[in-house]
């Protein structure tokens, strides 16, 4: 089959499109003929040599996909050849075919076109597992998500607003902030010109944020802690702003706050806290509203996989809103 290849760690130009070995459908897995995959920040880190695939995972980039099941392995029940699905992956999505553990499959939501469904698994599973299963966001909470126009951000805004939270977000342009408002955010911060701590505190009469979802990392850690409300929960899922920073433990204790740092890719396929558990929760708690159109995938553009380098450059420029999809070819 054909897949996106990496000639050596480096910039977007190291990505190619060539022949690789076909995946093998093992016990408990299905083989999916890929209709589309989506580009994630983790893919750009892996391309640079900073985020290797977990042991046993495909070395091919791609943490989610949509497509049609073409083979069902032993011990798999509930899925058949010809089913249209989308899937959470540990790797392998930038290819014509991928082997997927059956517990990481989701049915294509009714009303969502097959390729577009590739924009859902990674962001929905990330947001649901971190904001709701871990941080316990509730109706009436103040929720801040950084990078509201990103794939994660556009989904986090929708799910938090659906839950009855008051949503704050940061973004880097008036156009992006206007889009975030359309999705349900009502406290908008231009991070180029405004201090998000000051803006959110003023908008909440000094309360601050009950839950913060942060994709930046070290650069924002101290300010995120400044903004936490009493009993607040900070969840870090990205490292765009660095990996090392100090925590003012006294401040955190006075606020009775908590800091969580998580990744989705390295979780086990099964067991407590594993990918199958998260996917099952998403199917039960989120998928019905995706099918009703209450929650929707946001897609900036689609490109062929042979232009994956262009897609990575776009993501790294932050010139997009929502997800960038790659289709075989």
C-alpha atoms as a PDB file:
ATOM      1  CA  UNK A   1       0.000   0.000   0.000  1.00  0.00           C
ATOM      2  CA  UNK A   2       0.972   3.657  -0.139  1.00  0.00           C
ATOM      3  CA  UNK A   3       1.548   5.813   2.921  1.00  0.00           C
ATOM      4  CA  UNK A   4       3.181   9.054   3.989  1.00  0.00           C
ATOM      5  CA  UNK A   5       6.852   8.414   4.732  1.00  0.00           C
ATOM      6  CA  UNK A   6       9.514  10.346   6.674  1.00  0.00           C
ATOM      7  CA  UNK A   7      12.927  10.431   5.004  1.00  0.00           C
ATOM      8  CA  UNK A   8      14.607  11.747   8.172  1.00  0.00           C
ATOM      9  CA  UNK A   9      13.546  13.882  11.143  1.00  0.00           C
ATOM     10  CA  UNK A  10      13.040  17.467  10.057  1.00  0.00           C
ATOM     11  CA  UNK A  11      10.663  19.997   8.550  1.00  0.00           C
ATOM     12  CA  UNK A  12       7.554  19.397   6.450  1.00  0.00           C
ATOM     13  CA  UNK A  13       9.714  18.779   3.372  1.00  0.00           C
ATOM     14  CA  UNK A  14      10.852  15.376   4.737  1.00  0.00           C
ATOM     15  CA  UNK A  15       7.382  13.911   4.181  1.00  0.00           C
ATOM     16  CA  UNK A  16       6.903  11.770   1.082  1.00  0.00           C
ATOM     17  CA  UNK A  17       4.274   9.456  -0.418  1.00  0.00           C
ATOM     18  CA  UNK A  18       5.422   5.944  -1.243  1.00  0.00           C
ATOM     19  CA  UNK A  19       5.069   2.189  -0.900  1.00  0.00           C
ATOM     20  CA  UNK A  20       5.198   0.554   2.544  1.00  0.00           C
ATOM     21  CA  UNK A  21       4.278  -2.878   3.879  1.00  0.00           C
ATOM     22  CA  UNK A  22       0.585  -3.638   4.268  1.00  0.00           C
ATOM     23  CA  UNK A  23      -0.715  -3.742   7.846  1.00  0.00           C
ATOM     24  CA  UNK A  24      -1.637  -7.136   9.298  1.00  0.00           C
ATOM     25  CA  UNK A  25      -5.057  -7.627  10.894  1.00  0.00           C
ATOM     26  CA  UNK A  26      -4.393  -9.379  14.202  1.00  0.00           C
ATOM     27  CA  UNK A  27      -6.745 -10.888  16.772  1.00  0.00           C
ATOM     28  CA  UNK A  28      -9.092  -8.290  18.182  1.00  0.00           C
ATOM     29  CA  UNK A  29      -8.431  -5.931  15.278  1.00  0.00           C
ATOM     30  CA  UNK A  30     -10.080  -4.868  12.055  1.00  0.00           C
ATOM     31  CA  UNK A  31      -8.515  -3.597   8.853  1.00  0.00           C
ATOM     32  CA  UNK A  32      -9.869  -0.249   7.650  1.00  0.00           C
ATOM     33  CA  UNK A  33      -9.558   1.083   4.102  1.00  0.00           C
ATOM     34  CA  UNK A  34      -8.854   4.729   4.903  1.00  0.00           C
ATOM     35  CA  UNK A  35     -11.132   7.431   3.503  1.00  0.00           C
ATOM     36  CA  UNK A  36      -9.368  10.249   5.374  1.00  0.00           C
ATOM     37  CA  UNK A  37      -7.111  11.036   8.296  1.00  0.00           C
ATOM     38  CA  UNK A  38      -6.551  14.315  10.156  1.00  0.00           C
ATOM     39  CA  UNK A  39      -3.392  16.213  11.037  1.00  0.00           C
ATOM     40  CA  UNK A  40      -2.599  16.687  14.727  1.00  0.00           C
ATOM     41  CA  UNK A  41       0.194  18.561  16.527  1.00  0.00           C
ATOM     42  CA  UNK A  42       1.534  15.209  17.711  1.00  0.00           C
ATOM     43  CA  UNK A  43       2.144  14.302  14.067  1.00  0.00           C
ATOM     44  CA  UNK A  44       4.364  17.334  13.586  1.00  0.00           C
ATOM     45  CA  UNK A  45       6.342  16.432  16.714  1.00  0.00           C
ATOM     46  CA  UNK A  46       6.801  12.861  15.497  1.00  0.00           C
ATOM     47  CA  UNK A  47       7.975  14.154  12.122  1.00  0.00           C
ATOM     48  CA  UNK A  48      10.634  16.192  13.923  1.00  0.00           C
ATOM     49  CA  UNK A  49      11.795  13.134  15.892  1.00  0.00           C
ATOM     50  CA  UNK A  50      10.421  14.336  19.249  1.00  0.00           C
ATOM     51  CA  UNK A  51       7.416  12.027  19.728  1.00  0.00           C
ATOM     52  CA  UNK A  52       8.105   8.402  18.784  1.00  0.00           C
ATOM     53  CA  UNK A  53       5.304   5.911  18.321  1.00  0.00           C
ATOM     54  CA  UNK A  54       4.503   3.776  21.387  1.00  0.00           C
ATOM     55  CA  UNK A  55       5.920   0.230  21.405  1.00  0.00           C
ATOM     56  CA  UNK A  56       4.010  -1.967  18.975  1.00  0.00           C
ATOM     57  CA  UNK A  57       2.281   0.925  17.194  1.00  0.00           C
ATOM     58  CA  UNK A  58       2.665   1.728  13.509  1.00  0.00           C
ATOM     59  CA  UNK A  59       5.538   4.078  12.706  1.00  0.00           C
ATOM     60  CA  UNK A  60       3.333   5.734  10.076  1.00  0.00           C
ATOM     61  CA  UNK A  61       1.914   9.082  11.193  1.00  0.00           C
ATOM     62  CA  UNK A  62      -1.763   9.527  11.945  1.00  0.00           C
ATOM     63  CA  UNK A  63      -3.768   9.294  15.182  1.00  0.00           C
ATOM     64  CA  UNK A  64      -7.269   9.048  13.707  1.00  0.00           C
ATOM     65  CA  UNK A  65      -9.028   8.061  10.524  1.00  0.00           C
ATOM     66  CA  UNK A  66     -12.320   7.252   8.891  1.00  0.00           C
ATOM     67  CA  UNK A  67     -13.012   4.542   6.363  1.00  0.00           C
ATOM     68  CA  UNK A  68     -14.620   1.199   5.596  1.00  0.00           C
ATOM     69  CA  UNK A  69     -13.851  -2.095   7.323  1.00  0.00           C
ATOM     70  CA  UNK A  70     -12.307  -4.513   4.809  1.00  0.00           C
ATOM     71  CA  UNK A  71     -11.277  -7.341   7.146  1.00  0.00           C
ATOM     72  CA  UNK A  72     -12.345  -8.488  10.618  1.00  0.00           C
ATOM     73  CA  UNK A  73      -9.860 -10.341  12.807  1.00  0.00           C
ATOM     74  CA  UNK A  74     -10.432 -13.202  15.193  1.00  0.00           C
ATOM     75  CA  UNK A  75     -12.227 -12.437  18.467  1.00  0.00           C
ATOM     76  CA  UNK A  76     -13.940  -9.345  17.055  1.00  0.00           C
ATOM     77  CA  UNK A  77     -17.696  -9.042  17.519  1.00  0.00           C
ATOM     78  CA  UNK A  78     -20.123  -6.276  16.636  1.00  0.00           C
ATOM     79  CA  UNK A  79     -18.323  -5.158  13.478  1.00  0.00           C
ATOM     80  CA  UNK A  80     -18.565  -6.438   9.892  1.00  0.00           C
ATOM     81  CA  UNK A  81     -16.852  -5.968   6.551  1.00  0.00           C
ATOM     82  CA  UNK A  82     -18.393  -2.938   4.850  1.00  0.00           C
ATOM     83  CA  UNK A  83     -19.147  -0.983   8.044  1.00  0.00           C
ATOM     84  CA  UNK A  84     -18.353   2.717   7.780  1.00  0.00           C
ATOM     85  CA  UNK A  85     -16.347   3.786  10.814  1.00  0.00           C
ATOM     86  CA  UNK A  86     -13.957   6.281  12.292  1.00  0.00           C
ATOM     87  CA  UNK A  87     -11.220   5.303  14.698  1.00  0.00           C
ATOM     88  CA  UNK A  88      -8.805   6.462  17.357  1.00  0.00           C
ATOM     89  CA  UNK A  89      -5.298   5.251  16.461  1.00  0.00           C
ATOM     90  CA  UNK A  90      -1.874   4.981  18.042  1.00  0.00           C
ATOM     91  CA  UNK A  91      -0.432   5.517  14.553  1.00  0.00           C
ATOM     92  CA  UNK A  92      -0.914   4.505  10.931  1.00  0.00           C
ATOM     93  CA  UNK A  93      -3.615   6.882   9.719  1.00  0.00           C
ATOM     94  CA  UNK A  94      -1.568   8.536   6.947  1.00  0.00           C
ATOM     95  CA  UNK A  95      -1.983   5.472   4.724  1.00  0.00           C
ATOM     96  CA  UNK A  96      -4.383   3.649   2.449  1.00  0.00           C
ATOM     97  CA  UNK A  97      -5.094   0.990   5.078  1.00  0.00           C
ATOM     98  CA  UNK A  98      -4.658   0.666   8.836  1.00  0.00           C
ATOM     99  CA  UNK A  99      -5.168  -2.056  11.460  1.00  0.00           C
ATOM    100  CA  UNK A 100      -7.272  -0.870  14.407  1.00  0.00           C
ATOM    101  CA  UNK A 101      -8.133  -2.508  17.752  1.00  0.00           C
ATOM    102  CA  UNK A 102     -11.894  -3.069  17.655  1.00  0.00           C
ATOM    103  CA  UNK A 103     -12.362  -1.182  20.930  1.00  0.00           C
ATOM    104  CA  UNK A 104     -11.130   2.007  19.279  1.00  0.00           C
ATOM    105  CA  UNK A 105     -13.772   2.057  16.550  1.00  0.00           C
ATOM    106  CA  UNK A 106     -16.767   4.352  16.367  1.00  0.00           C
ATOM    107  CA  UNK A 107     -19.562   4.109  13.809  1.00  0.00           C
ATOM    108  CA  UNK A 108     -19.685   6.916  11.270  1.00  0.00           C
ATOM    109  CA  UNK A 109     -22.217   9.305  12.795  1.00  0.00           C
ATOM    110  CA  UNK A 110     -25.447   9.622  10.858  1.00  0.00           C
ATOM    111  CA  UNK A 111     -25.434  12.901   8.969  1.00  0.00           C
ATOM    112  CA  UNK A 112     -21.628  13.183   8.868  1.00  0.00           C
ATOM    113  CA  UNK A 113     -19.964  12.409   5.526  1.00  0.00           C
ATOM    114  CA  UNK A 114     -17.410   9.584   5.767  1.00  0.00           C
ATOM    115  CA  UNK A 115     -14.227  11.573   5.119  1.00  0.00           C
ATOM    116  CA  UNK A 116     -15.373  14.375   7.425  1.00  0.00           C
ATOM    117  CA  UNK A 117     -15.783  11.853  10.247  1.00  0.00           C
ATOM    118  CA  UNK A 118     -11.972  11.589  10.365  1.00  0.00           C
ATOM    119  CA  UNK A 119     -11.988  14.988  12.096  1.00  0.00           C
ATOM    120  CA  UNK A 120     -13.759  13.578  15.163  1.00  0.00           C
ATOM    121  CA  UNK A 121     -12.043  10.722  17.048  1.00  0.00           C
ATOM    122  CA  UNK A 122      -8.879  12.348  18.402  1.00  0.00           C
ATOM    123  CA  UNK A 123     -10.416  15.661  19.423  1.00  0.00           C
ATOM    124  CA  UNK A 124     -13.615  14.236  20.904  1.00  0.00           C
ATOM    125  CA  UNK A 125     -11.756  11.545  22.860  1.00  0.00           C
ATOM    126  CA  UNK A 126      -9.153  14.054  24.060  1.00  0.00           C
ATOM    127  CA  UNK A 127     -11.687  16.618  25.221  1.00  0.00           C
ATOM    128  CA  UNK A 128     -14.114  14.144  26.746  1.00  0.00           C
ATOM    129  CA  UNK A 129     -11.455  12.200  28.660  1.00  0.00           C
ATOM    130  CA  UNK A 130      -9.716  15.301  30.004  1.00  0.00           C
ATOM    131  CA  UNK A 131     -12.399  17.939  30.500  1.00  0.00           C
ATOM    132  CA  UNK A 132     -15.239  15.701  31.616  1.00  0.00           C
ATOM    133  CA  UNK A 133     -13.924  12.313  32.789  1.00  0.00           C
ATOM    134  CA  UNK A 134     -10.843  13.767  34.535  1.00  0.00           C
ATOM    135  CA  UNK A 135     -11.593  17.399  35.392  1.00  0.00           C
ATOM    136  CA  UNK A 136     -15.329  16.873  35.936  1.00  0.00           C
ATOM    137  CA  UNK A 137     -16.611  20.004  34.194  1.00  0.00           C
ATOM    138  CA  UNK A 138     -20.156  20.783  35.334  1.00  0.00           C
ATOM    139  CA  UNK A 139     -22.964  23.135  34.367  1.00  0.00           C
ATOM    140  CA  UNK A 140     -22.233  26.592  35.732  1.00  0.00           C
ATOM    141  CA  UNK A 141     -18.448  26.139  35.791  1.00  0.00           C
ATOM    142  CA  UNK A 142     -16.187  28.651  34.080  1.00  0.00           C
ATOM    143  CA  UNK A 143     -14.127  26.821  31.473  1.00  0.00           C
ATOM    144  CA  UNK A 144     -11.069  28.207  29.663  1.00  0.00           C
ATOM    145  CA  UNK A 145      -9.579  26.513  26.624  1.00  0.00           C
ATOM    146  CA  UNK A 146      -6.448  27.922  25.036  1.00  0.00           C
ATOM    147  CA  UNK A 147      -6.265  27.866  21.246  1.00  0.00           C
ATOM    148  CA  UNK A 148      -9.996  27.949  20.708  1.00  0.00           C
ATOM    149  CA  UNK A 149      -9.733  27.871  16.909  1.00  0.00           C
ATOM    150  CA  UNK A 150      -7.659  24.670  16.869  1.00  0.00           C
ATOM    151  CA  UNK A 151      -9.139  21.228  16.358  1.00  0.00           C
ATOM    152  CA  UNK A 152      -9.112  20.616  20.111  1.00  0.00           C
ATOM    153  CA  UNK A 153     -10.378  24.103  20.851  1.00  0.00           C
ATOM    154  CA  UNK A 154     -13.328  24.044  18.469  1.00  0.00           C
ATOM    155  CA  UNK A 155     -14.501  20.748  19.962  1.00  0.00           C
ATOM    156  CA  UNK A 156     -13.865  21.791  23.569  1.00  0.00           C
ATOM    157  CA  UNK A 157     -15.934  24.953  23.135  1.00  0.00           C
ATOM    158  CA  UNK A 158     -18.864  22.997  21.724  1.00  0.00           C
ATOM    159  CA  UNK A 159     -18.839  20.269  24.365  1.00  0.00           C
ATOM    160  CA  UNK A 160     -18.402  22.691  27.268  1.00  0.00           C
ATOM    161  CA  UNK A 161     -21.187  24.959  26.025  1.00  0.00           C
ATOM    162  CA  UNK A 162     -23.419  21.903  25.558  1.00  0.00           C
ATOM    163  CA  UNK A 163     -22.737  20.982  29.202  1.00  0.00           C
ATOM    164  CA  UNK A 164     -23.880  24.402  30.420  1.00  0.00           C
ATOM    165  CA  UNK A 165     -20.458  25.815  31.298  1.00  0.00           C
ATOM    166  CA  UNK A 166     -19.485  29.409  30.701  1.00  0.00           C
ATOM    167  CA  UNK A 167     -16.777  29.209  28.049  1.00  0.00           C
ATOM    168  CA  UNK A 168     -13.693  31.408  27.717  1.00  0.00           C
ATOM    169  CA  UNK A 169     -11.069  30.996  25.030  1.00  0.00           C
ATOM    170  CA  UNK A 170      -7.909  32.498  23.596  1.00  0.00           C
ATOM    171  CA  UNK A 171      -7.088  32.879  19.912  1.00  0.00           C
ATOM    172  CA  UNK A 172      -4.831  34.989  17.734  1.00  0.00           C
ATOM    173  CA  UNK A 173      -7.146  37.017  15.490  1.00  0.00           C
ATOM    174  CA  UNK A 174     -10.536  38.701  15.403  1.00  0.00           C
ATOM    175  CA  UNK A 175     -11.665  36.216  12.751  1.00  0.00           C
ATOM    176  CA  UNK A 176     -10.776  33.240  14.919  1.00  0.00           C
ATOM    177  CA  UNK A 177     -12.413  34.739  17.996  1.00  0.00           C
ATOM    178  CA  UNK A 178     -15.601  35.462  16.038  1.00  0.00           C
ATOM    179  CA  UNK A 179     -15.710  31.819  14.977  1.00  0.00           C
ATOM    180  CA  UNK A 180     -15.215  30.732  18.587  1.00  0.00           C
ATOM    181  CA  UNK A 181     -18.170  32.900  19.584  1.00  0.00           C
ATOM    182  CA  UNK A 182     -20.332  31.162  16.985  1.00  0.00           C
ATOM    183  CA  UNK A 183     -19.401  27.822  18.556  1.00  0.00           C
ATOM    184  CA  UNK A 184     -20.464  28.940  22.037  1.00  0.00           C
ATOM    185  CA  UNK A 185     -17.601  30.870  23.668  1.00  0.00           C
ATOM    186  CA  UNK A 186     -18.633  34.130  25.319  1.00  0.00           C
ATOM    187  CA  UNK A 187     -15.371  35.313  26.924  1.00  0.00           C
ATOM    188  CA  UNK A 188     -12.943  36.015  24.104  1.00  0.00           C
ATOM    189  CA  UNK A 189      -9.252  36.847  24.537  1.00  0.00           C
ATOM    190  CA  UNK A 190      -6.875  37.932  21.773  1.00  0.00           C
ATOM    191  CA  UNK A 191      -3.664  36.462  23.177  1.00  0.00           C
ATOM    192  CA  UNK A 192      -1.550  38.821  21.057  1.00  0.00           C
ATOM    193  CA  UNK A 193      -2.921  41.946  22.756  1.00  0.00           C
ATOM    194  CA  UNK A 194      -4.681  40.914  25.985  1.00  0.00           C
ATOM    195  CA  UNK A 195      -3.823  39.149  29.241  1.00  0.00           C
ATOM    196  CA  UNK A 196      -6.149  36.166  29.532  1.00  0.00           C
ATOM    197  CA  UNK A 197      -5.967  36.206  33.338  1.00  0.00           C
ATOM    198  CA  UNK A 198      -7.151  39.801  33.538  1.00  0.00           C
ATOM    199  CA  UNK A 199      -9.896  39.373  30.945  1.00  0.00           C
ATOM    200  CA  UNK A 200     -11.364  36.208  32.451  1.00  0.00           C
ATOM    201  CA  UNK A 201     -11.172  37.517  36.015  1.00  0.00           C
ATOM    202  CA  UNK A 202     -12.969  40.705  35.023  1.00  0.00           C
ATOM    203  CA  UNK A 203     -15.648  38.800  33.099  1.00  0.00           C
ATOM    204  CA  UNK A 204     -16.266  36.461  36.052  1.00  0.00           C
ATOM    205  CA  UNK A 205     -16.199  39.124  38.806  1.00  0.00           C
ATOM    206  CA  UNK A 206     -12.919  37.767  40.132  1.00  0.00           C
ATOM    207  CA  UNK A 207     -13.990  34.115  40.242  1.00  0.00           C
ATOM    208  CA  UNK A 208     -11.520  32.839  37.630  1.00  0.00           C
ATOM    209  CA  UNK A 209     -11.685  29.498  35.851  1.00  0.00           C
ATOM    210  CA  UNK A 210     -12.916  26.241  37.374  1.00  0.00           C
ATOM    211  CA  UNK A 211     -11.346  24.181  34.579  1.00  0.00           C
ATOM    212  CA  UNK A 212      -8.508  25.131  32.222  1.00  0.00           C
ATOM    213  CA  UNK A 213      -7.569  22.997  29.202  1.00  0.00           C
ATOM    214  CA  UNK A 214      -4.074  24.008  28.096  1.00  0.00           C
ATOM    215  CA  UNK A 215      -2.237  23.077  24.898  1.00  0.00           C
ATOM    216  CA  UNK A 216       0.672  25.481  25.497  1.00  0.00           C
ATOM    217  CA  UNK A 217       2.535  24.023  28.470  1.00  0.00           C
ATOM    218  CA  UNK A 218       5.355  25.643  30.424  1.00  0.00           C
ATOM    219  CA  UNK A 219       4.913  29.155  29.030  1.00  0.00           C
ATOM    220  CA  UNK A 220       1.372  29.412  30.428  1.00  0.00           C
ATOM    221  CA  UNK A 221       1.682  27.318  33.587  1.00  0.00           C
ATOM    222  CA  UNK A 222       2.121  30.125  36.129  1.00  0.00           C
ATOM    223  CA  UNK A 223      -0.606  32.279  34.620  1.00  0.00           C
ATOM    224  CA  UNK A 224      -3.007  29.354  34.415  1.00  0.00           C
ATOM    225  CA  UNK A 225      -2.471  28.766  38.138  1.00  0.00           C
ATOM    226  CA  UNK A 226      -3.081  32.473  38.790  1.00  0.00           C
ATOM    227  CA  UNK A 227      -6.449  32.138  37.068  1.00  0.00           C
ATOM    228  CA  UNK A 228      -7.671  28.972  38.779  1.00  0.00           C
ATOM    229  CA  UNK A 229     -10.685  29.410  41.012  1.00  0.00           C
ATOM    230  CA  UNK A 230     -10.825  27.748  44.417  1.00  0.00           C
ATOM    231  CA  UNK A 231     -11.008  24.029  43.722  1.00  0.00           C
ATOM    232  CA  UNK A 232      -9.996  24.635  40.108  1.00  0.00           C
ATOM    233  CA  UNK A 233      -8.559  21.972  37.818  1.00  0.00           C
ATOM    234  CA  UNK A 234      -5.818  22.598  35.251  1.00  0.00           C
ATOM    235  CA  UNK A 235      -5.326  19.940  32.572  1.00  0.00           C
ATOM    236  CA  UNK A 236      -2.253  20.188  30.365  1.00  0.00           C
ATOM    237  CA  UNK A 237      -2.320  18.275  27.079  1.00  0.00           C
ATOM    238  CA  UNK A 238       0.292  20.092  24.995  1.00  0.00           C
ATOM    239  CA  UNK A 239       3.847  21.377  25.067  1.00  0.00           C
ATOM    240  CA  UNK A 240       3.921  24.049  22.349  1.00  0.00           C
ATOM    241  CA  UNK A 241       5.279  26.549  24.879  1.00  0.00           C
ATOM    242  CA  UNK A 242       7.896  24.295  26.439  1.00  0.00           C
ATOM    243  CA  UNK A 243       8.114  21.419  28.906  1.00  0.00           C
ATOM    244  CA  UNK A 244       9.767  22.807  32.054  1.00  0.00           C
ATOM    245  CA  UNK A 245       8.343  25.348  34.497  1.00  0.00           C
ATOM    246  CA  UNK A 246       8.027  25.810  38.253  1.00  0.00           C
ATOM    247  CA  UNK A 247       4.790  25.426  40.194  1.00  0.00           C
ATOM    248  CA  UNK A 248       4.006  27.713  43.134  1.00  0.00           C
ATOM    249  CA  UNK A 249       2.882  24.897  45.405  1.00  0.00           C
ATOM    250  CA  UNK A 250       1.721  27.297  48.119  1.00  0.00           C
ATOM    251  CA  UNK A 251      -0.626  29.046  45.686  1.00  0.00           C
ATOM    252  CA  UNK A 252      -1.965  25.715  44.447  1.00  0.00           C
ATOM    253  CA  UNK A 253      -2.602  24.535  48.018  1.00  0.00           C
ATOM    254  CA  UNK A 254      -4.341  27.752  49.024  1.00  0.00           C
ATOM    255  CA  UNK A 255      -6.656  27.363  46.067  1.00  0.00           C
ATOM    256  CA  UNK A 256      -7.145  23.640  46.756  1.00  0.00           C
ATOM    257  CA  UNK A 257      -6.420  23.255  43.062  1.00  0.00           C
ATOM    258  CA  UNK A 258      -5.122  20.371  41.015  1.00  0.00           C
ATOM    259  CA  UNK A 259      -2.848  20.041  37.988  1.00  0.00           C
ATOM    260  CA  UNK A 260      -3.088  17.108  35.606  1.00  0.00           C
ATOM    261  CA  UNK A 261      -0.843  16.367  32.630  1.00  0.00           C
ATOM    262  CA  UNK A 262      -2.000  13.672  30.231  1.00  0.00           C
ATOM    263  CA  UNK A 263      -1.511  12.141  26.819  1.00  0.00           C
ATOM    264  CA  UNK A 264      -3.997   9.991  24.931  1.00  0.00           C
ATOM    265  CA  UNK A 265      -1.668   8.171  22.554  1.00  0.00           C
ATOM    266  CA  UNK A 266       0.304   6.310  25.227  1.00  0.00           C
ATOM    267  CA  UNK A 267      -2.739   4.953  27.057  1.00  0.00           C
ATOM    268  CA  UNK A 268      -3.271   1.187  26.847  1.00  0.00           C
ATOM    269  CA  UNK A 269      -5.807  -0.137  24.367  1.00  0.00           C
ATOM    270  CA  UNK A 270      -7.900  -1.755  27.107  1.00  0.00           C
ATOM    271  CA  UNK A 271      -8.284  -1.677  30.872  1.00  0.00           C
ATOM    272  CA  UNK A 272      -9.057   1.203  33.275  1.00  0.00           C
ATOM    273  CA  UNK A 273      -8.345   4.532  31.647  1.00  0.00           C
ATOM    274  CA  UNK A 274      -7.565   2.841  28.339  1.00  0.00           C
ATOM    275  CA  UNK A 275      -8.575   3.936  24.873  1.00  0.00           C
ATOM    276  CA  UNK A 276     -11.481   1.468  24.631  1.00  0.00           C
ATOM    277  CA  UNK A 277     -12.998   2.857  27.837  1.00  0.00           C
ATOM    278  CA  UNK A 278     -12.761   6.426  26.527  1.00  0.00           C
ATOM    279  CA  UNK A 279     -14.169   5.492  23.118  1.00  0.00           C
ATOM    280  CA  UNK A 280     -17.113   3.713  24.754  1.00  0.00           C
ATOM    281  CA  UNK A 281     -17.855   6.792  26.875  1.00  0.00           C
ATOM    282  CA  UNK A 282     -17.685   9.028  23.797  1.00  0.00           C
ATOM    283  CA  UNK A 283     -20.054   6.746  21.892  1.00  0.00           C
ATOM    284  CA  UNK A 284     -22.545   6.828  24.759  1.00  0.00           C
ATOM    285  CA  UNK A 285     -22.272  10.451  25.867  1.00  0.00           C
ATOM    286  CA  UNK A 286     -21.274  12.448  22.774  1.00  0.00           C
ATOM    287  CA  UNK A 287     -22.158  10.530  19.609  1.00  0.00           C
ATOM    288  CA  UNK A 288     -25.947  11.091  19.902  1.00  0.00           C
ATOM    289  CA  UNK A 289     -25.418  14.872  19.821  1.00  0.00           C
ATOM    290  CA  UNK A 290     -22.998  14.561  16.901  1.00  0.00           C
ATOM    291  CA  UNK A 291     -25.709  12.700  15.012  1.00  0.00           C
ATOM    292  CA  UNK A 292     -28.246  15.412  15.901  1.00  0.00           C
ATOM    293  CA  UNK A 293     -25.844  18.120  14.709  1.00  0.00           C
ATOM    294  CA  UNK A 294     -25.557  19.709  18.176  1.00  0.00           C
ATOM    295  CA  UNK A 295     -21.822  18.968  18.067  1.00  0.00           C
ATOM    296  CA  UNK A 296     -20.101  19.092  14.693  1.00  0.00           C
ATOM    297  CA  UNK A 297     -16.657  18.531  13.221  1.00  0.00           C
ATOM    298  CA  UNK A 298     -14.926  21.703  12.069  1.00  0.00           C
ATOM    299  CA  UNK A 299     -12.805  21.179   8.939  1.00  0.00           C
ATOM    300  CA  UNK A 300     -10.568  23.888   7.526  1.00  0.00           C
ATOM    301  CA  UNK A 301      -9.578  22.079   4.321  1.00  0.00           C
ATOM    302  CA  UNK A 302      -8.780  18.751   2.677  1.00  0.00           C
ATOM    303  CA  UNK A 303      -5.550  17.828   0.923  1.00  0.00           C
ATOM    304  CA  UNK A 304      -4.219  14.623  -0.650  1.00  0.00           C
ATOM    305  CA  UNK A 305      -1.763  12.641   1.470  1.00  0.00           C
ATOM    306  CA  UNK A 306       0.899  13.296  -1.156  1.00  0.00           C
ATOM    307  CA  UNK A 307       0.747  16.929   0.047  1.00  0.00           C
ATOM    308  CA  UNK A 308       1.117  16.066   3.739  1.00  0.00           C
ATOM    309  CA  UNK A 309       4.090  18.421   3.994  1.00  0.00           C
ATOM    310  CA  UNK A 310       1.863  21.323   2.978  1.00  0.00           C
ATOM    311  CA  UNK A 311      -0.682  20.279   5.593  1.00  0.00           C
ATOM    312  CA  UNK A 312       1.986  20.186   8.319  1.00  0.00           C
ATOM    313  CA  UNK A 313       3.276  23.615   7.324  1.00  0.00           C
ATOM    314  CA  UNK A 314      -0.267  24.962   7.523  1.00  0.00           C
ATOM    315  CA  UNK A 315      -0.781  23.520  11.009  1.00  0.00           C
ATOM    316  CA  UNK A 316       2.520  24.907  12.236  1.00  0.00           C
ATOM    317  CA  UNK A 317       1.631  28.359  10.901  1.00  0.00           C
ATOM    318  CA  UNK A 318      -1.642  28.315  12.888  1.00  0.00           C
ATOM    319  CA  UNK A 319      -3.390  29.743   9.820  1.00  0.00           C
ATOM    320  CA  UNK A 320      -6.193  27.185  10.032  1.00  0.00           C
ATOM    321  CA  UNK A 321      -9.477  26.957  11.939  1.00  0.00           C
ATOM    322  CA  UNK A 322     -10.447  23.453  13.027  1.00  0.00           C
ATOM    323  CA  UNK A 323      -9.014  20.324  11.428  1.00  0.00           C
ATOM    324  CA  UNK A 324      -6.938  19.724   8.301  1.00  0.00           C
ATOM    325  CA  UNK A 325      -7.856  16.436   6.593  1.00  0.00           C
ATOM    326  CA  UNK A 326      -5.677  14.236   4.377  1.00  0.00           C
ATOM    327  CA  UNK A 327      -7.194  11.896   1.804  1.00  0.00           C
ATOM    328  CA  UNK A 328      -5.315   9.007   0.136  1.00  0.00           C
ATOM    329  CA  UNK A 329      -3.682  10.083  -3.089  1.00  0.00           C
END
